[in-house]
Amino acid sequence: MSTTSGTRRVVTALALLMVLVMTTSCAVRTTSILRDPGTVRIALNAWVGYEASAAVLQYLLEEELGYQVQLVQIDEQPSWQALDQGAVDVIVENWGHEDLMRTYGPDGNDTVVDGGPNGNIGHIGWYMPAYLVDEYPGINTVDGLKENADLFRTPESGGKGEFLSGAPGFVTQDQGMINHFGFDLSIVYAGSEAAQITEIRNRYAAKEPALFYFYEPQWLFNELDMVRVEFPEYTQGCDADLDNVGCDYPLYHLNKIFRKDFAEQGGRAFQLIDNWKWSNDDQNAVAQLIADDGMDRDEAAARWARENPDVWRPWIPAGASPETD
C-alpha cells in the first residue's frame, strides 16, 4: 500500500528519534519531548491512499492555518508506539487495531484517543481479473477456487497456487482463510503496494490468471476490472482465531487516532483534522494523481484543494485565516 512521489518532507531528526525509542527499553514519553505548538507531525503509512489523505491535510494546515507539517514515514503498527512516545500527533487512517487501542488507549497507557471516522470505508478482500471469471464461471466462489487453484501456480508459489499479497505488515487474515477452506494456495508477498500493483498490471496485460489481496479505497479499481471472491459474510468473532477464519473480511469505518495531548492542546490544527472527513472517491482522486499520473503529492493535494473547495472549507475552524502560530 505504498508509493513514491517527488519531494519528501520527512524529517531526519524525527526518523532518528523513532530508531531511538524503538530500540531502547527506556521509552521516551510524550510529556518529556519539547514540542513546537506551530508544528504538526502526521504519521505517514506506506500506501498511497493514506499518503493522499496526509498530503491534503498537510496542504490545508500549512496554507489555511499557517502551521508547519512534518510527515513522519513509519509503518502501520509502529505508528501507535510513535503516538505513545510523542513522536507523532495523529494517524489519519486506522484499520481496526483494537489490540493496539487496548495497549495505548484509555484502558492502557492512556496516551492515544479515537478521533472518529475519516469518512473512508475500508474493505479488504480477495480479487481476480474479470476476464478469468468470464473464462471460468464460478471460479470466484469457494468451490470454484478450490477446483482451480492450480491455475494460479507460479515459480514463486512452491507447487501450489499463488495468492499475491502486498506487504507482510498489512492487516490480513488470509492464511487463516486458506487453512479453513482447504485451499491449495501459498501466500507470496510483493513487498509493497506499488510492487503489487505493478505485478497485477503485468498479469492483466498478459491476460494471465491472478489471485490477490486488495482493498478499498483504491484508485486501481478505476483502471482494472476486478471481481471479488465470494466468501461467507463476516460476523462478529468469526475471525477470532487467525489460524482458522471461515468468513470474509469486515467493513472498516476508517478512523483517526490522536495523541491524547494533541487532542487536548492542539488548537486549530487539531480542530481541522477533527473536522476532516472525506469520501473514498475523494481519496482515490488524489491517490491516482500521485501513483498513476506521477504527480508530486504536494501538487496533487493542491490541485484537489483548488477543485474541491466546497468539500474542505467546512473543515477549517471558524474564523481561521492563514497565519503562523
Protein backbone atom coordinates (compact mmCIF):
# COMPACT_ATOMS: atom_id res chain seq x y z
CA MET A 1 0.00 0.00 0.00
CA SER A 2 2.81 2.48 -0.72
CA THR A 3 4.13 4.75 -3.44
CA THR A 4 6.90 7.25 -4.12
CA SER A 5 6.48 10.90 -5.03
CA GLY A 6 8.78 13.83 -5.60
CA THR A 7 9.80 15.97 -2.65
CA ARG A 8 9.58 14.20 0.71
CA ARG A 9 9.14 16.30 3.84
CA VAL A 10 10.15 13.55 6.21
CA VAL A 11 12.29 14.98 8.99
CA THR A 12 15.61 13.28 9.71
CA ALA A 13 15.60 14.18 13.37
CA LEU A 14 12.25 12.50 13.89
CA ALA A 15 13.39 9.46 11.96
CA LEU A 16 16.37 9.18 14.29
CA LEU A 17 14.05 9.61 17.26
CA MET A 18 11.94 6.70 16.02
CA VAL A 19 15.01 4.48 15.84
CA LEU A 20 15.91 5.51 19.38
CA VAL A 21 12.55 4.94 21.00
CA MET A 22 12.00 1.59 19.31
CA THR A 23 15.39 0.15 20.20
CA THR A 24 15.60 1.07 23.85
CA SER A 25 13.73 -0.23 26.86
CA CYS A 26 13.64 3.32 28.28
CA ALA A 27 10.79 4.69 26.15
CA VAL A 28 10.60 8.45 25.74
CA ARG A 29 7.20 9.67 26.87
CA THR A 30 5.07 12.39 25.32
CA THR A 31 5.50 14.69 28.31
CA SER A 32 9.30 14.59 28.08
CA ILE A 33 9.57 15.83 24.47
CA LEU A 34 9.92 19.57 23.84
CA ARG A 35 7.20 20.40 21.34
CA ASP A 36 6.70 23.30 18.95
CA PRO A 37 2.97 24.20 19.06
CA GLY A 38 3.23 25.52 15.50
CA THR A 39 4.29 22.14 14.10
CA VAL A 40 2.04 19.17 13.41
CA ARG A 41 3.53 15.69 12.98
CA ILE A 42 1.46 13.28 10.90
CA ALA A 43 2.35 9.58 10.69
CA LEU A 44 2.81 8.56 7.05
CA ASN A 45 1.96 4.91 6.46
CA ALA A 46 3.10 3.07 3.36
CA TRP A 47 0.16 3.07 0.96
CA VAL A 48 -0.83 5.78 -1.46
CA GLY A 49 -4.39 6.28 -0.19
CA TYR A 50 -3.02 7.16 3.23
CA GLU A 51 -0.43 9.41 1.57
CA ALA A 52 -3.22 11.21 -0.29
CA SER A 53 -5.06 11.93 2.97
CA ALA A 54 -1.92 13.11 4.73
CA ALA A 55 -0.91 15.34 1.81
CA VAL A 56 -4.27 17.12 1.69
CA LEU A 57 -4.22 17.71 5.44
CA GLN A 58 -0.66 18.99 5.19
CA TYR A 59 -1.63 21.41 2.43
CA LEU A 60 -4.62 22.81 4.34
CA LEU A 61 -2.79 23.08 7.66
CA GLU A 62 0.03 24.98 6.01
CA GLU A 63 -1.89 27.12 3.52
CA GLU A 64 -5.04 27.86 5.51
CA LEU A 65 -3.78 27.89 9.11
CA GLY A 66 -0.06 28.65 8.78
CA TYR A 67 1.25 25.56 10.57
CA GLN A 68 4.37 23.65 9.65
CA VAL A 69 3.67 19.98 8.98
CA GLN A 70 6.09 17.09 9.17
CA LEU A 71 5.11 13.78 7.57
CA VAL A 72 6.90 11.04 9.51
CA GLN A 73 7.27 7.93 7.35
CA ILE A 74 6.63 4.91 9.56
CA ASP A 75 4.92 1.52 9.33
CA GLU A 76 1.34 0.95 10.41
CA GLN A 77 1.74 -0.71 13.82
CA PRO A 78 4.81 1.29 14.97
CA SER A 79 2.78 4.46 14.36
CA TRP A 80 0.92 3.71 17.57
CA GLN A 81 4.14 3.49 19.54
CA ALA A 82 5.18 6.79 17.97
CA LEU A 83 1.94 8.37 19.23
CA ASP A 84 2.50 6.91 22.67
CA GLN A 85 6.04 8.27 22.80
CA GLY A 86 5.21 11.69 21.39
CA ALA A 87 6.99 11.43 18.03
CA VAL A 88 3.79 11.96 16.03
CA ASP A 89 0.44 13.63 16.70
CA VAL A 90 -2.02 11.70 14.55
CA ILE A 91 -2.65 8.59 12.49
CA VAL A 92 -5.11 9.61 9.78
CA GLU A 93 -6.23 6.15 8.58
CA ASN A 94 -6.56 3.34 11.10
CA TRP A 95 -7.63 -0.15 10.00
CA GLY A 96 -9.07 -1.63 13.19
CA HIS A 97 -6.18 -2.47 15.54
CA GLU A 98 -8.35 -2.93 18.61
CA ASP A 99 -5.40 -4.65 20.30
CA LEU A 100 -3.28 -1.51 19.94
CA MET A 101 -6.09 0.67 21.27
CA ARG A 102 -6.24 -1.57 24.36
CA THR A 103 -2.49 -1.11 24.81
CA TYR A 104 -2.27 2.64 24.28
CA GLY A 105 -5.83 3.89 24.78
CA PRO A 106 -7.81 4.77 27.93
CA ASP A 107 -7.61 1.23 29.32
CA GLY A 108 -3.85 1.00 28.74
CA ASN A 109 -1.19 3.72 28.63
CA ASP A 110 -3.90 6.37 28.13
CA THR A 111 -1.78 8.28 25.60
CA VAL A 112 -3.99 7.96 22.49
CA VAL A 113 -7.65 8.65 21.74
CA ASP A 114 -10.05 7.60 19.00
CA GLY A 115 -10.52 10.58 16.68
CA GLY A 116 -13.69 9.32 15.00
CA PRO A 117 -14.28 8.42 11.34
CA ASN A 118 -12.34 9.99 8.49
CA GLY A 119 -15.18 9.21 6.08
CA ASN A 120 -13.44 6.38 4.23
CA ILE A 121 -14.95 2.90 4.21
CA GLY A 122 -12.28 0.22 4.03
CA HIS A 123 -12.87 -3.29 2.75
CA ILE A 124 -10.17 -5.89 2.26
CA GLY A 125 -10.83 -8.91 0.10
CA TRP A 126 -9.59 -11.48 -2.41
CA TYR A 127 -9.79 -10.46 -6.06
CA MET A 128 -9.16 -11.80 -9.55
CA PRO A 129 -9.47 -10.38 -13.07
CA ALA A 130 -12.93 -10.26 -14.64
CA TYR A 131 -11.56 -11.94 -17.78
CA LEU A 132 -10.68 -15.00 -15.68
CA VAL A 133 -14.24 -15.25 -14.32
CA ASP A 134 -15.55 -14.97 -17.87
CA GLU A 135 -13.37 -17.91 -18.90
CA TYR A 136 -14.05 -19.98 -15.76
CA PRO A 137 -17.54 -19.12 -14.49
CA GLY A 138 -17.84 -19.63 -10.73
CA ILE A 139 -14.09 -19.53 -10.07
CA ASN A 140 -14.71 -16.58 -7.74
CA THR A 141 -16.51 -18.84 -5.25
CA VAL A 142 -15.03 -21.09 -2.56
CA ASP A 143 -15.78 -24.27 -4.51
CA GLY A 144 -14.65 -22.79 -7.81
CA LEU A 145 -11.40 -21.61 -6.30
CA LYS A 146 -10.69 -24.99 -4.70
CA GLU A 147 -11.23 -26.75 -8.01
CA ASN A 148 -9.00 -24.36 -9.97
CA ALA A 149 -6.22 -23.45 -7.53
CA ASP A 150 -3.61 -24.94 -9.88
CA LEU A 151 -4.34 -22.18 -12.41
CA PHE A 152 -2.54 -19.75 -10.13
CA ARG A 153 0.75 -21.66 -9.84
CA THR A 154 3.89 -19.58 -10.35
CA PRO A 155 7.61 -20.27 -9.90
CA GLU A 156 7.39 -18.45 -6.56
CA SER A 157 4.48 -20.40 -5.09
CA GLY A 158 6.19 -23.74 -4.47
CA GLY A 159 3.90 -26.03 -6.47
CA LYS A 160 0.71 -24.52 -5.04
CA GLY A 161 -1.44 -21.78 -6.44
CA GLU A 162 -0.14 -18.30 -5.73
CA PHE A 163 -2.08 -15.85 -3.58
CA LEU A 164 -0.41 -12.49 -4.22
CA SER A 165 -0.32 -10.19 -1.21
CA GLY A 166 1.18 -6.76 -0.62
CA ALA A 167 3.46 -6.28 2.39
CA PRO A 168 3.66 -8.64 5.40
CA GLY A 169 2.72 -5.82 7.79
CA PHE A 170 -0.71 -5.16 6.26
CA VAL A 171 -3.88 -6.21 8.09
CA THR A 172 -4.53 -9.79 6.99
CA GLN A 173 -6.43 -13.00 7.80
CA ASP A 174 -5.51 -14.75 4.56
CA GLN A 175 -3.58 -17.71 5.98
CA GLY A 176 -6.50 -18.47 8.29
CA MET A 177 -8.86 -18.46 5.30
CA ILE A 178 -6.56 -20.75 3.33
CA ASN A 179 -6.45 -23.11 6.31
CA HIS A 180 -10.19 -23.08 6.96
CA PHE A 181 -11.33 -23.64 3.38
CA GLY A 182 -8.53 -26.04 2.47
CA PHE A 183 -7.22 -24.04 -0.47
CA ASP A 184 -4.07 -25.39 -2.12
CA LEU A 185 -2.56 -21.90 -2.10
CA SER A 186 0.64 -20.27 -0.92
CA ILE A 187 0.92 -16.58 0.02
CA VAL A 188 3.57 -14.69 -1.94
CA TYR A 189 4.34 -11.13 -0.82
CA ALA A 190 5.09 -8.49 -3.42
CA GLY A 191 6.65 -6.40 -0.64
CA SER A 192 4.70 -3.17 -1.06
CA GLU A 193 1.55 -1.72 -2.57
CA ALA A 194 3.48 -0.29 -5.53
CA ALA A 195 5.18 -3.61 -6.28
CA GLN A 196 1.90 -5.49 -6.03
CA ILE A 197 0.14 -3.08 -8.37
CA THR A 198 2.95 -3.46 -10.91
CA GLU A 199 2.63 -7.24 -10.77
CA ILE A 200 -1.16 -7.12 -11.09
CA ARG A 201 -0.93 -4.78 -14.09
CA ASN A 202 1.62 -7.07 -15.76
CA ARG A 203 -0.66 -10.06 -15.39
CA TYR A 204 -3.65 -8.14 -16.70
CA ALA A 205 -1.63 -7.03 -19.72
CA ALA A 206 -0.71 -10.67 -20.44
CA LYS A 207 -4.24 -11.93 -19.64
CA GLU A 208 -2.76 -14.34 -17.08
CA PRO A 209 -4.55 -15.85 -14.07
CA ALA A 210 -4.12 -13.82 -10.91
CA LEU A 211 -5.49 -14.12 -7.37
CA PHE A 212 -4.63 -11.34 -4.98
CA TYR A 213 -5.25 -9.47 -1.75
CA PHE A 214 -6.64 -6.00 -2.37
CA TYR A 215 -8.75 -3.35 -0.69
CA GLU A 216 -10.90 -0.27 -0.99
CA PRO A 217 -10.44 2.67 -1.13
CA GLN A 218 -8.08 2.04 -4.03
CA TRP A 219 -7.65 4.05 -7.23
CA LEU A 220 -6.72 0.98 -9.34
CA PHE A 221 -10.39 -0.05 -9.46
CA ASN A 222 -10.84 2.88 -11.86
CA GLU A 223 -8.44 1.18 -14.29
CA LEU A 224 -8.84 -2.59 -13.98
CA ASP A 225 -11.97 -4.75 -13.89
CA MET A 226 -11.60 -6.83 -10.73
CA VAL A 227 -14.02 -9.41 -9.33
CA ARG A 228 -14.21 -10.12 -5.61
CA VAL A 229 -14.06 -13.73 -4.44
CA GLU A 230 -17.27 -14.66 -2.59
CA PHE A 231 -16.87 -15.88 0.99
CA PRO A 232 -19.36 -16.27 3.84
CA GLU A 233 -20.22 -12.82 5.15
CA TYR A 234 -18.29 -11.54 8.14
CA THR A 235 -19.96 -11.99 11.53
CA GLN A 236 -18.69 -10.81 14.90
CA GLY A 237 -16.00 -13.18 16.16
CA CYS A 238 -15.61 -15.25 13.01
CA ASP A 239 -12.02 -14.07 12.78
CA ALA A 240 -11.15 -14.62 16.44
CA ASP A 241 -8.71 -17.42 15.59
CA LEU A 242 -6.48 -16.05 12.83
CA ASP A 243 -5.29 -19.57 12.04
CA ASN A 244 -8.83 -20.64 11.17
CA VAL A 245 -11.01 -17.96 9.57
CA GLY A 246 -14.20 -19.10 7.85
CA CYS A 247 -15.51 -15.72 6.72
CA ASP A 248 -14.78 -12.67 4.60
CA TYR A 249 -13.16 -9.50 5.91
CA PRO A 250 -15.29 -6.97 7.79
CA LEU A 251 -16.04 -3.47 6.63
CA TYR A 252 -13.79 -0.94 8.33
CA HIS A 253 -15.13 2.50 9.09
CA LEU A 254 -11.67 4.01 8.96
CA ASN A 255 -10.85 6.42 11.75
CA LYS A 256 -8.27 8.85 13.07
CA ILE A 257 -6.13 8.18 16.13
CA PHE A 258 -4.80 11.20 18.03
CA ARG A 259 -2.05 11.60 20.56
CA LYS A 260 -4.10 12.47 23.65
CA ASP A 261 -2.18 15.65 24.46
CA PHE A 262 -2.58 16.85 20.86
CA ALA A 263 -6.34 16.28 21.08
CA GLU A 264 -6.43 18.37 24.25
CA GLN A 265 -3.91 21.07 23.33
CA GLY A 266 -3.59 21.03 19.51
CA GLY A 267 -5.76 24.07 18.96
CA ARG A 268 -6.88 24.87 15.44
CA ALA A 269 -4.68 22.16 13.92
CA PHE A 270 -6.49 19.54 15.94
CA GLN A 271 -9.85 21.14 15.08
CA LEU A 272 -9.16 20.94 11.34
CA ILE A 273 -8.13 17.27 11.45
CA ASP A 274 -11.00 16.51 13.81
CA ASN A 275 -13.43 18.14 11.33
CA TRP A 276 -11.87 16.40 8.32
CA LYS A 277 -14.00 13.73 6.71
CA TRP A 278 -14.00 12.79 3.03
CA SER A 279 -15.14 10.01 0.72
CA ASN A 280 -13.40 7.06 -0.92
CA ASP A 281 -13.78 8.89 -4.24
CA ASP A 282 -12.01 11.95 -2.82
CA GLN A 283 -9.09 9.86 -1.62
CA ASN A 284 -8.89 7.87 -4.85
CA ALA A 285 -8.79 11.07 -6.92
CA VAL A 286 -5.68 12.32 -5.10
CA ALA A 287 -4.08 8.88 -4.89
CA GLN A 288 -4.41 8.35 -8.64
CA LEU A 289 -2.73 11.69 -9.35
CA ILE A 290 0.22 10.56 -7.21
CA ALA A 291 0.54 6.90 -8.14
CA ASP A 292 -0.75 6.76 -11.71
CA ASP A 293 -0.09 10.25 -13.08
CA GLY A 294 3.27 10.60 -11.33
CA MET A 295 2.38 13.91 -9.70
CA ASP A 296 4.23 15.07 -6.61
CA ARG A 297 1.97 14.60 -3.59
CA ASP A 298 2.12 18.32 -2.74
CA GLU A 299 0.96 19.22 -6.26
CA ALA A 300 -1.76 16.56 -6.17
CA ALA A 301 -3.09 17.90 -2.86
CA ALA A 302 -3.04 21.48 -4.12
CA ARG A 303 -4.87 20.52 -7.30
CA TRP A 304 -7.55 18.64 -5.39
CA ALA A 305 -7.98 21.58 -3.00
CA ARG A 306 -8.35 24.05 -5.89
CA GLU A 307 -11.01 21.89 -7.49
CA ASN A 308 -12.96 20.95 -4.33
CA PRO A 309 -13.26 23.97 -2.01
CA ASP A 310 -16.85 23.05 -1.20
CA VAL A 311 -15.59 19.80 0.34
CA TRP A 312 -12.77 21.15 2.51
CA ARG A 313 -13.91 24.61 3.58
CA PRO A 314 -16.22 23.19 6.29
CA TRP A 315 -13.15 21.54 7.89
CA ILE A 316 -11.49 24.89 8.55
CA PRO A 317 -12.11 26.14 12.13
CA ALA A 318 -14.44 29.12 12.33
CA GLY A 319 -12.67 32.45 11.96
CA ALA A 320 -9.41 30.86 10.83
CA SER A 321 -7.15 32.53 8.30
CA PRO A 322 -3.60 31.74 7.19
CA GLU A 323 -1.10 32.76 9.84
CA THR A 324 1.92 31.44 11.64
CA ASP A 325 1.30 30.22 15.16
